[in-house]
Structure formats: C-alpha cells, structure tokens
C-alpha cells in the first residue's frame, strides 16, 4: 500500500493525486479518520421531540440518532444484534421502537432489545444475556450549540478539544436571532457525485474559484438587482457593479485539526441591509452592538473536518462511499424568529444557488467530476502526479493561538484540510 506520508507535502503545499483515487488509502481514511475522531451526525432541532430520529453514517457505518422519552440523545449502530440487518430504513421519522424485518427482533429508541420473536425456541444459554443484547451505542456522543457529534473511538478525547478554534464561530452561528432559535430542515437537497469526498471539504471554503466558475451566478445577481430597482421605481442609470472576491477584504483561516474558514465581512454588510431595524436592535440588546455584524449571514463559511460544511444558509454532511463516489446531504438553516421577509429571502437564495437547477452549486459538482477524471492520470508513471496548493503558501501569518491566516484566495483553507489529513493518517492504529 502507498505510504500516506508520501502523498502530502504540507510544507510545499503539494498533494499527490493518489489521495483521491487509491482504494487502500480510502479504507485507511475510514479507520484512521472517520472511525477515530468526532463526526457530525445531526442537529438537535432535527430530533426536537421524544421519539424523533434520523439515520446517517459515520464513514460507512450506518447509525440512528434518536431522542428518547427522557430527552436524551442516542447514537446507535443501525445493525440488528442477531444477524446484522439494518433495523431502520427511513431518513427520519418518529418512533419509540425499531424492528428488524428479517426475524422480527425489536429494540426501543435507547437501543435496548425489547422483543425476540419465537423466544421460547431458544434453549438455555443460546441467547446469552438478553439484557445486554441490543443496538450497540457509539463510544461517545456530544453536542455543541445544537450540533451533534459522535465517535466510535472511546479515546477520542473531548468534543470541545476537537472543535478547538471553531467554537467562537459556532457561538456566533447559534446566535443569529435574539432568542437563539435555529431550525435545521432535514435533507432539503441530496445528491451523489462521482468524485472523492475531500473535494467537497476543500471546495466549501475556497475563495479562489468563485470569480471564475460562478459567472452565471454573478449575472443572475446583477439581473435580479436591476429588476428590484425597477420594481421600486428607481430610474438611475448607475450600473450594478460585480463584486469580485479577489477585491474584497477577506481572509482564509487554518483553524487546526483540518478545520478551516473563509471570512467575508461584506456578507454581513449586505445582510444588515435586509434586516428591519427593530430586529437589529433586538440583536444588539441581546448580544451587544459590537457583535451584531458577526452574527448576520454569518459572514463566513466553515469546514469542520472531516464531514461538516457550514455555508451561510445551509449545512452539508459529507459521506464517503468509495474513492470516486460521495453522497452529500444538504439542509437549509431556518431562523424561525427572524422577520418573514428575511426568511423568504434566505430560502430563495438557497434554492437559486444550490438547488438542482441552481446557478452555483451544480457548477461545483461538475468541477469535482472533471477533477476526478484528471486524477486518473496519476496511474501513468510517466506523468507528474502532484497537485499544487501553493498559492501564498510562503506568506501565511501564524497568530498567537496557532491559527494560520492569509488572503481568502490563497488556498490556505485547502492546505488546512491536508495538514489535518496528514496528521490523522500518520497515526498508527
């Protein structure tokens, strides 16, 4: 097998294409990353009431995230203790039990075995200790600002240590309304693309590509702005100018552990114009006037390595299926107590950019497909297998807390992904 240490040259900002194509590397990623650290599995608002559940994956391990009658959150392996059949097939729902359709074994939403079909047919000792048989729970479950994480590793450490420098941003993310209410709508968009999972992790915070790839999005925004002016009766001939990311005062951050963020303060400025003054006053009274602009938008996009991408009005869960196949579950973030006009605008933006017929999100997926095709050239020994993530690699600034910072177009956030990747992959079992 290829040595993972030979595939990433973090100092030089180079990544070998085999990290996206090699099957052994893919399975090692499952063992050393997805089955070892904390993985995002859902938001508390998705299982708000007793009996609510959702199904998802930790790497390639199917799990059920459930809210029991005592209000507790359980993350259970979706696998019957009898013969290994998955016991829950739906994406989400409400139930106080899960039943295996193969032989009829039944479990409650805490995972305990509550019913065995034809139980009298088992002789003494054949079933073992029935009180201990159940849906196996993950080793650890934690929640931060409503975001639920789970780990299969009993030695994963604390969730707060894992989140590290992401926490101040998550604190702002959870404070977008005066009452602090956020509702994550389960899986508004779901799609599979024929490329490696890390491409989605890289792309979420990249500030280099939008000025070039998303030209259609820019044209639509300009067109909509002109229509809005006309609807207001404005007759000015002043042109609507395109705002290039490269010209913005924006920064990219390597937050450590593979986590990274791109910050665009202009987002907050635009968002502020859409909120009624009364709502902004409430935010200022609740959180302080100096904090308001950091809450609107929010004015950043963040990747929590390895599987969570937070981008404005949505969160995306990244599930690896194979070296060249990835499933993404994307959920809209609603703000129930925000003004209705703001909620509508956010939803329209989400659908217009990321939807199946959107003018932005599908661009990215097409690029992932083209990149994966290009990566196949790494199998030809005569061709250079190295990709370049070197933009401003020599001019990163390191802050006192260890966070690295550079311009948002600098590829610093992509280097962050592979610094984290190399750290995890270099660990022995």
Protein backbone atom coordinates (compact mmCIF):
# COMPACT_ATOMS: atom_id res chain seq x y z
CA UNK A 1 0.00 0.00 0.00
CA UNK A 2 1.11 3.57 -0.65
CA UNK A 3 2.52 5.27 2.45
CA UNK A 4 0.18 8.21 3.32
CA UNK A 5 3.23 10.23 4.43
CA UNK A 6 4.44 10.22 0.84
CA UNK A 7 1.20 11.70 -0.53
CA UNK A 8 1.08 15.10 1.17
CA UNK A 9 3.88 17.66 1.24
CA UNK A 10 2.29 20.22 3.56
CA UNK A 11 5.38 22.42 3.72
CA UNK A 12 5.42 22.85 -0.05
CA UNK A 13 1.65 22.85 -0.50
CA UNK A 14 1.58 19.78 -2.75
CA UNK A 15 -0.84 16.84 -2.74
CA UNK A 16 -0.45 13.60 -4.67
CA UNK A 17 -3.46 12.60 -6.80
CA UNK A 18 -3.44 9.14 -5.25
CA UNK A 19 -5.13 10.59 -2.14
CA UNK A 20 -8.27 10.79 -4.30
CA UNK A 21 -8.04 7.50 -6.20
CA UNK A 22 -6.29 4.78 -4.19
CA UNK A 23 -8.68 2.23 -2.71
CA UNK A 24 -6.34 1.25 0.15
CA UNK A 25 -5.94 4.91 1.11
CA UNK A 26 -9.73 5.29 1.12
CA UNK A 27 -10.21 2.41 3.56
CA UNK A 28 -7.37 3.68 5.71
CA UNK A 29 -9.16 7.06 5.86
CA UNK A 30 -12.20 5.28 7.28
CA UNK A 31 -10.14 3.61 10.01
CA UNK A 32 -7.82 6.47 10.91
CA UNK A 33 -10.13 9.46 10.42
CA UNK A 34 -13.84 8.59 10.38
CA UNK A 35 -13.67 5.77 12.95
CA UNK A 36 -11.22 7.55 15.23
CA UNK A 37 -12.37 11.14 15.66
CA UNK A 38 -15.63 13.07 16.16
CA UNK A 39 -18.10 13.02 13.26
CA UNK A 40 -21.09 15.31 12.80
CA UNK A 41 -24.36 13.32 12.77
CA UNK A 42 -27.18 15.88 13.02
CA UNK A 43 -28.68 18.94 14.68
CA UNK A 44 -30.81 18.86 17.81
CA UNK A 45 -33.68 20.59 16.01
CA UNK A 46 -33.94 17.58 13.68
CA UNK A 47 -34.86 15.39 16.66
CA UNK A 48 -36.69 18.01 18.70
CA UNK A 49 -39.33 15.75 20.28
CA UNK A 50 -39.29 12.44 22.12
CA UNK A 51 -39.32 9.60 19.61
CA UNK A 52 -37.82 11.64 16.77
CA UNK A 53 -34.95 10.04 14.90
CA UNK A 54 -32.79 10.41 11.82
CA UNK A 55 -30.44 7.99 10.10
CA UNK A 56 -26.99 8.85 8.83
CA UNK A 57 -23.47 7.40 8.62
CA UNK A 58 -20.15 7.60 10.41
CA UNK A 59 -17.91 6.90 7.47
CA UNK A 60 -19.57 3.79 6.10
CA UNK A 61 -21.15 2.71 9.40
CA UNK A 62 -24.95 3.26 9.43
CA UNK A 63 -26.26 4.91 12.61
CA UNK A 64 -29.56 6.04 14.10
CA UNK A 65 -29.68 9.34 16.01
CA UNK A 66 -32.70 9.25 18.33
CA UNK A 67 -34.34 11.31 21.05
CA UNK A 68 -35.67 9.07 23.81
CA UNK A 69 -38.60 9.67 26.16
CA UNK A 70 -36.28 11.11 28.80
CA UNK A 71 -34.98 13.72 26.33
CA UNK A 72 -31.63 12.01 25.90
CA UNK A 73 -29.80 11.79 22.58
CA UNK A 74 -28.71 8.33 21.49
CA UNK A 75 -26.48 7.42 18.56
CA UNK A 76 -26.96 3.72 17.84
CA UNK A 77 -25.38 1.43 15.27
CA UNK A 78 -28.11 0.65 12.74
CA UNK A 79 -27.50 -3.09 12.91
CA UNK A 80 -29.55 -5.87 14.43
CA UNK A 81 -27.68 -7.76 17.15
CA UNK A 82 -29.00 -11.04 15.73
CA UNK A 83 -27.83 -11.20 12.11
CA UNK A 84 -26.64 -7.69 11.29
CA UNK A 85 -29.63 -6.40 9.30
CA UNK A 86 -30.25 -2.64 9.41
CA UNK A 87 -33.35 -2.01 11.52
CA UNK A 88 -34.29 1.48 10.28
CA UNK A 89 -34.56 2.37 6.60
CA UNK A 90 -36.11 5.85 6.65
CA UNK A 91 -34.11 9.07 6.62
CA UNK A 92 -36.09 10.43 9.58
CA UNK A 93 -39.33 9.99 11.47
CA UNK A 94 -40.87 9.41 14.89
CA UNK A 95 -40.95 6.00 16.58
CA UNK A 96 -40.47 4.50 20.03
CA UNK A 97 -39.07 1.26 18.65
CA UNK A 98 -37.10 -0.16 15.73
CA UNK A 99 -37.89 -3.57 14.30
CA UNK A 100 -35.73 -5.89 12.24
CA UNK A 101 -37.87 -7.07 9.34
CA UNK A 102 -35.80 -10.23 8.83
CA UNK A 103 -36.61 -12.12 12.05
CA UNK A 104 -38.74 -9.64 13.98
CA UNK A 105 -36.41 -8.59 16.79
CA UNK A 106 -37.47 -5.28 18.36
CA UNK A 107 -35.44 -2.51 20.06
CA UNK A 108 -36.51 0.67 21.84
CA UNK A 109 -35.13 4.09 20.91
CA UNK A 110 -32.42 3.76 23.55
CA UNK A 111 -31.22 0.63 21.77
CA UNK A 112 -32.38 -1.95 24.32
CA UNK A 113 -33.70 -5.26 23.00
CA UNK A 114 -37.39 -5.43 23.96
CA UNK A 115 -38.70 -8.29 21.89
CA UNK A 116 -37.40 -11.55 20.42
CA UNK A 117 -39.64 -13.47 18.04
CA UNK A 118 -40.32 -17.13 18.94
CA UNK A 119 -38.32 -16.58 22.12
CA UNK A 120 -39.40 -19.93 23.59
CA UNK A 121 -37.48 -21.67 20.83
CA UNK A 122 -34.18 -20.60 22.36
CA UNK A 123 -32.69 -23.12 24.76
CA UNK A 124 -30.95 -22.17 27.99
CA UNK A 125 -27.84 -20.11 27.25
CA UNK A 126 -28.45 -19.97 23.49
CA UNK A 127 -29.47 -16.32 23.53
CA UNK A 128 -26.80 -15.31 26.01
CA UNK A 129 -27.55 -12.42 28.35
CA UNK A 130 -30.66 -10.98 26.68
CA UNK A 131 -30.44 -7.90 28.91
CA UNK A 132 -27.11 -6.96 27.31
CA UNK A 133 -28.09 -7.61 23.70
CA UNK A 134 -29.22 -4.51 21.84
CA UNK A 135 -28.34 -1.95 19.25
CA UNK A 136 -24.75 -1.08 20.04
CA UNK A 137 -24.19 2.53 21.03
CA UNK A 138 -21.27 4.59 19.76
CA UNK A 139 -18.43 5.20 22.18
CA UNK A 140 -19.18 8.90 22.70
CA UNK A 141 -21.89 11.46 21.92
CA UNK A 142 -21.59 15.22 22.37
CA UNK A 143 -23.38 18.37 21.35
CA UNK A 144 -22.12 21.91 20.85
CA UNK A 145 -24.52 24.76 20.04
CA UNK A 146 -27.08 22.20 18.89
CA UNK A 147 -24.66 20.38 16.57
CA UNK A 148 -24.48 16.67 17.48
CA UNK A 149 -21.23 14.77 17.08
CA UNK A 150 -20.46 11.12 17.72
CA UNK A 151 -17.34 8.99 17.85
CA UNK A 152 -16.68 5.26 17.58
CA UNK A 153 -13.44 5.76 19.49
CA UNK A 154 -13.59 5.61 23.32
CA UNK A 155 -10.29 7.51 23.38
CA UNK A 156 -11.36 10.31 21.02
CA UNK A 157 -10.93 12.99 23.70
CA UNK A 158 -13.41 15.75 24.44
CA UNK A 159 -15.63 17.27 21.78
CA UNK A 160 -14.63 20.79 22.82
CA UNK A 161 -10.96 19.97 22.35
CA UNK A 162 -11.77 18.53 18.92
CA UNK A 163 -13.65 21.68 17.88
CA UNK A 164 -10.88 23.92 19.16
CA UNK A 165 -10.73 27.25 17.32
CA UNK A 166 -14.06 26.67 15.59
CA UNK A 167 -16.00 27.31 18.82
CA UNK A 168 -16.16 31.15 18.75
CA UNK A 169 -17.58 30.98 15.24
CA UNK A 170 -20.11 28.32 16.22
CA UNK A 171 -21.13 30.54 19.15
CA UNK A 172 -21.92 33.31 16.65
CA UNK A 173 -23.65 30.86 14.30
CA UNK A 174 -26.03 29.83 17.10
CA UNK A 175 -26.84 33.47 17.95
CA UNK A 176 -28.34 34.63 14.65
CA UNK A 177 -31.65 35.51 16.34
CA UNK A 178 -32.35 37.20 19.68
CA UNK A 179 -33.99 34.05 21.06
CA UNK A 180 -31.20 31.82 19.73
CA UNK A 181 -33.55 29.57 17.78
CA UNK A 182 -32.21 27.76 14.73
CA UNK A 183 -34.03 25.03 12.83
CA UNK A 184 -32.15 22.71 10.52
CA UNK A 185 -34.53 21.29 7.94
CA UNK A 186 -33.58 17.69 7.27
CA UNK A 187 -32.04 16.97 3.88
CA UNK A 188 -33.55 19.56 1.58
CA UNK A 189 -31.11 18.52 -1.17
CA UNK A 190 -29.40 15.16 -1.51
CA UNK A 191 -27.02 14.17 -4.25
CA UNK A 192 -24.21 11.81 -5.17
CA UNK A 193 -21.27 12.83 -7.30
CA UNK A 194 -18.62 10.61 -8.96
CA UNK A 195 -15.58 12.02 -7.17
CA UNK A 196 -13.67 11.89 -3.91
CA UNK A 197 -15.17 13.19 -0.66
CA UNK A 198 -12.27 15.54 0.08
CA UNK A 199 -13.14 17.69 -2.94
CA UNK A 200 -16.30 18.84 -1.15
CA UNK A 201 -14.29 19.52 2.03
CA UNK A 202 -11.80 21.59 0.01
CA UNK A 203 -14.35 23.49 -2.05
CA UNK A 204 -16.62 24.77 0.72
CA UNK A 205 -14.14 27.41 1.89
CA UNK A 206 -12.20 28.10 -1.28
CA UNK A 207 -12.15 31.77 -2.24
CA UNK A 208 -10.13 31.30 -5.43
CA UNK A 209 -12.71 29.73 -7.78
CA UNK A 210 -15.97 31.75 -7.45
CA UNK A 211 -14.81 34.73 -9.54
CA UNK A 212 -14.20 32.33 -12.43
CA UNK A 213 -16.53 29.36 -12.07
CA UNK A 214 -19.70 31.10 -10.90
CA UNK A 215 -20.07 33.68 -13.68
CA UNK A 216 -23.71 32.67 -14.20
CA UNK A 217 -24.42 33.36 -10.53
CA UNK A 218 -22.97 36.84 -10.87
CA UNK A 219 -25.09 37.59 -13.95
CA UNK A 220 -28.25 36.41 -12.18
CA UNK A 221 -27.48 38.56 -9.15
CA UNK A 222 -26.97 41.63 -11.33
CA UNK A 223 -30.17 40.90 -13.26
CA UNK A 224 -32.16 40.48 -10.03
CA UNK A 225 -30.73 43.71 -8.64
CA UNK A 226 -31.83 45.60 -11.75
CA UNK A 227 -35.32 44.12 -11.53
CA UNK A 228 -35.56 45.08 -7.85
CA UNK A 229 -34.57 48.66 -8.70
CA UNK A 230 -37.17 48.83 -11.44
CA UNK A 231 -39.84 47.45 -9.08
CA UNK A 232 -39.01 50.24 -6.63
CA UNK A 233 -39.38 52.80 -9.41
CA UNK A 234 -35.70 53.76 -9.44
CA UNK A 235 -34.64 55.24 -12.76
CA UNK A 236 -30.94 55.73 -12.07
CA UNK A 237 -28.59 54.66 -14.85
CA UNK A 238 -25.85 53.85 -12.37
CA UNK A 239 -24.59 50.38 -13.33
CA UNK A 240 -24.78 47.45 -10.95
CA UNK A 241 -21.19 46.51 -10.33
CA UNK A 242 -19.95 42.99 -9.86
CA UNK A 243 -18.19 42.40 -6.55
CA UNK A 244 -15.11 40.21 -7.03
CA UNK A 245 -13.92 38.13 -4.09
CA UNK A 246 -10.32 38.85 -5.05
CA UNK A 247 -11.00 42.56 -4.46
CA UNK A 248 -12.68 42.04 -1.08
CA UNK A 249 -11.03 42.41 2.29
CA UNK A 250 -11.49 38.72 3.07
CA UNK A 251 -9.36 36.14 4.83
CA UNK A 252 -8.86 32.40 4.94
CA UNK A 253 -8.02 30.64 8.20
CA UNK A 254 -6.43 27.31 9.06
CA UNK A 255 -8.03 26.66 12.46
CA UNK A 256 -6.08 23.47 13.14
CA UNK A 257 -7.07 19.80 13.01
CA UNK A 258 -8.21 20.13 9.39
CA UNK A 259 -10.86 22.71 10.33
CA UNK A 260 -10.84 25.89 8.25
CA UNK A 261 -12.83 29.02 7.47
CA UNK A 262 -13.11 31.79 4.92
CA UNK A 263 -14.40 35.14 6.18
CA UNK A 264 -16.10 37.77 4.01
CA UNK A 265 -17.25 40.78 6.08
CA UNK A 266 -19.13 42.17 3.05
CA UNK A 267 -21.68 39.39 3.58
CA UNK A 268 -22.62 40.92 6.93
CA UNK A 269 -22.92 44.36 5.36
CA UNK A 270 -25.33 43.05 2.72
CA UNK A 271 -27.30 41.02 5.26
CA UNK A 272 -27.65 44.03 7.54
CA UNK A 273 -29.49 45.93 4.81
CA UNK A 274 -32.16 43.23 4.60
CA UNK A 275 -33.00 43.05 8.31
CA UNK A 276 -35.54 45.51 9.80
CA UNK A 277 -34.04 47.97 12.26
CA UNK A 278 -36.17 46.57 15.08
CA UNK A 279 -34.65 43.11 14.65
CA UNK A 280 -31.11 44.53 14.60
CA UNK A 281 -31.88 46.47 17.78
CA UNK A 282 -33.03 43.25 19.46
CA UNK A 283 -29.81 41.52 18.46
CA UNK A 284 -27.78 44.44 19.81
CA UNK A 285 -29.67 44.41 23.11
CA UNK A 286 -29.25 40.64 23.47
CA UNK A 287 -25.64 40.17 22.38
CA UNK A 288 -24.17 43.68 22.38
CA UNK A 289 -23.90 46.17 19.48
CA UNK A 290 -20.29 45.25 18.69
CA UNK A 291 -21.26 41.67 17.94
CA UNK A 292 -24.19 42.21 15.57
CA UNK A 293 -22.29 42.16 12.27
CA UNK A 294 -20.53 38.93 13.25
CA UNK A 295 -23.94 37.24 13.60
CA UNK A 296 -25.52 38.24 10.30
CA UNK A 297 -25.12 35.87 7.37
CA UNK A 298 -22.99 34.61 9.08
CA UNK A 299 -20.11 36.37 7.28
CA UNK A 300 -18.07 33.18 6.85
CA UNK A 301 -18.08 29.61 5.58
CA UNK A 302 -16.50 26.86 7.65
CA UNK A 303 -15.46 23.24 7.23
CA UNK A 304 -15.27 21.13 10.37
CA UNK A 305 -13.06 18.25 9.31
CA UNK A 306 -13.83 15.70 8.10
CA UNK A 307 -17.54 15.73 7.24
CA UNK A 308 -19.33 19.02 8.09
CA UNK A 309 -19.53 22.09 5.85
CA UNK A 310 -21.37 25.19 7.09
CA UNK A 311 -22.14 27.75 4.41
CA UNK A 312 -24.47 30.66 5.09
CA UNK A 313 -27.98 29.29 4.94
CA UNK A 314 -27.10 25.59 4.83
CA UNK A 315 -25.07 22.81 6.33
CA UNK A 316 -23.75 19.89 4.29
CA UNK A 317 -22.91 16.43 5.57
CA UNK A 318 -20.22 14.65 3.53
CA UNK A 319 -20.43 10.86 3.33
CA UNK A 320 -17.68 8.93 1.52
CA UNK A 321 -18.99 5.97 -0.48
CA UNK A 322 -15.87 4.99 -2.46
CA UNK A 323 -12.66 6.68 -3.59
CA UNK A 324 -14.61 8.12 -6.54
CA UNK A 325 -18.12 8.42 -5.10
CA UNK A 326 -19.53 10.77 -2.47
CA UNK A 327 -23.00 11.41 -1.05
CA UNK A 328 -23.92 14.86 0.28
CA UNK A 329 -26.93 15.66 2.44
CA UNK A 330 -27.61 19.40 2.42
CA UNK A 331 -30.01 21.01 4.88
CA UNK A 332 -31.46 24.52 4.96
CA UNK A 333 -30.96 26.56 8.13
CA UNK A 334 -34.16 28.38 9.01
CA UNK A 335 -34.36 31.20 11.56
CA UNK A 336 -37.93 30.82 12.93
CA UNK A 337 -37.99 34.11 14.82
CA UNK A 338 -36.41 36.24 12.07
CA UNK A 339 -38.62 38.57 10.01
CA UNK A 340 -40.60 36.68 7.38
CA UNK A 341 -39.07 38.74 4.58
CA UNK A 342 -35.59 37.67 5.68
CA UNK A 343 -36.59 34.02 5.96
CA UNK A 344 -38.08 34.09 2.47
CA UNK A 345 -35.02 35.77 1.01
CA UNK A 346 -32.70 33.19 2.60
CA UNK A 347 -34.79 30.31 1.25
CA UNK A 348 -34.92 31.78 -2.26
CA UNK A 349 -31.14 32.30 -2.23
CA UNK A 350 -30.61 28.71 -1.10
CA UNK A 351 -32.83 27.27 -3.81
CA UNK A 352 -31.49 29.56 -6.51
CA UNK A 353 -27.81 28.86 -5.88
CA UNK A 354 -27.69 25.29 -4.53
CA UNK A 355 -30.83 23.65 -5.90
CA UNK A 356 -30.81 21.03 -8.69
CA UNK A 357 -31.48 23.82 -11.19
CA UNK A 358 -29.40 26.36 -9.27
CA UNK A 359 -26.84 28.64 -10.83
CA UNK A 360 -23.96 27.83 -8.45
CA UNK A 361 -23.90 24.51 -6.64
CA UNK A 362 -24.16 22.35 -9.79
CA UNK A 363 -21.06 24.16 -11.14
CA UNK A 364 -19.01 22.78 -8.26
CA UNK A 365 -20.22 19.22 -8.79
CA UNK A 366 -19.31 19.40 -12.47
CA UNK A 367 -15.79 20.51 -11.49
CA UNK A 368 -15.48 17.63 -8.99
CA UNK A 369 -16.33 15.21 -11.80
CA UNK A 370 -13.76 16.76 -14.14
CA UNK A 371 -11.10 16.74 -11.43
CA UNK A 372 -11.65 13.07 -10.63
CA UNK A 373 -11.25 12.30 -14.32
CA UNK A 374 -7.96 14.18 -14.34
CA UNK A 375 -6.74 12.34 -11.24
CA UNK A 376 -6.76 9.05 -13.14
CA UNK A 377 -3.62 10.24 -14.90
CA UNK A 378 -1.70 9.51 -11.68
CA UNK A 379 -1.71 5.85 -12.71
CA UNK A 380 0.62 6.68 -15.60
CA UNK A 381 4.12 6.51 -14.15
CA UNK A 382 5.49 8.94 -16.72
CA UNK A 383 3.10 11.76 -15.68
CA UNK A 384 3.52 14.15 -12.76
CA UNK A 385 1.08 13.06 -10.00
CA UNK A 386 1.34 16.22 -7.86
CA UNK A 387 -1.31 18.93 -7.46
CA UNK A 388 -0.40 22.46 -6.40
CA UNK A 389 -1.88 24.18 -3.34
CA UNK A 390 0.99 26.65 -3.21
CA UNK A 391 -0.80 29.98 -3.62
CA UNK A 392 0.60 32.28 -0.87
CA UNK A 393 1.98 29.26 0.98
CA UNK A 394 5.08 31.25 1.91
CA UNK A 395 3.18 34.28 3.21
CA UNK A 396 0.83 32.76 5.78
CA UNK A 397 0.71 34.57 9.11
CA UNK A 398 0.61 32.49 12.31
CA UNK A 399 -1.40 34.06 15.14
CA UNK A 400 -0.71 33.64 18.86
CA UNK A 401 -3.36 30.91 19.14
CA UNK A 402 -1.72 28.90 16.36
CA UNK A 403 -4.29 29.82 13.74
CA UNK A 404 -2.82 30.46 10.29
CA UNK A 405 -4.25 33.28 8.18
CA UNK A 406 -3.84 34.51 4.60
CA UNK A 407 -5.96 36.03 1.84
CA UNK A 408 -9.17 34.15 1.04
CA UNK A 409 -7.90 33.32 -2.45
CA UNK A 410 -4.65 31.89 -1.09
CA UNK A 411 -5.54 28.17 -0.85
CA UNK A 412 -4.75 28.29 2.87
CA UNK A 413 -8.04 26.54 3.64
CA UNK A 414 -7.18 23.69 1.28
CA UNK A 415 -3.75 23.32 2.86
CA UNK A 416 -5.57 23.17 6.20
CA UNK A 417 -7.54 20.13 5.03
CA UNK A 418 -4.37 18.26 4.13
CA UNK A 419 -2.44 19.27 7.22
CA UNK A 420 -5.28 17.72 9.23
CA UNK A 421 -5.49 14.74 6.86
CA UNK A 422 -1.77 14.04 7.17
CA UNK A 423 -1.92 14.29 10.96
CA UNK A 424 -4.72 11.72 11.21
CA UNK A 425 -3.35 9.40 8.56
CA UNK A 426 0.09 9.39 10.15
CA UNK A 427 -1.28 7.94 13.39
CA UNK A 428 -0.85 4.21 13.94
CA UNK A 429 -3.84 2.07 14.85
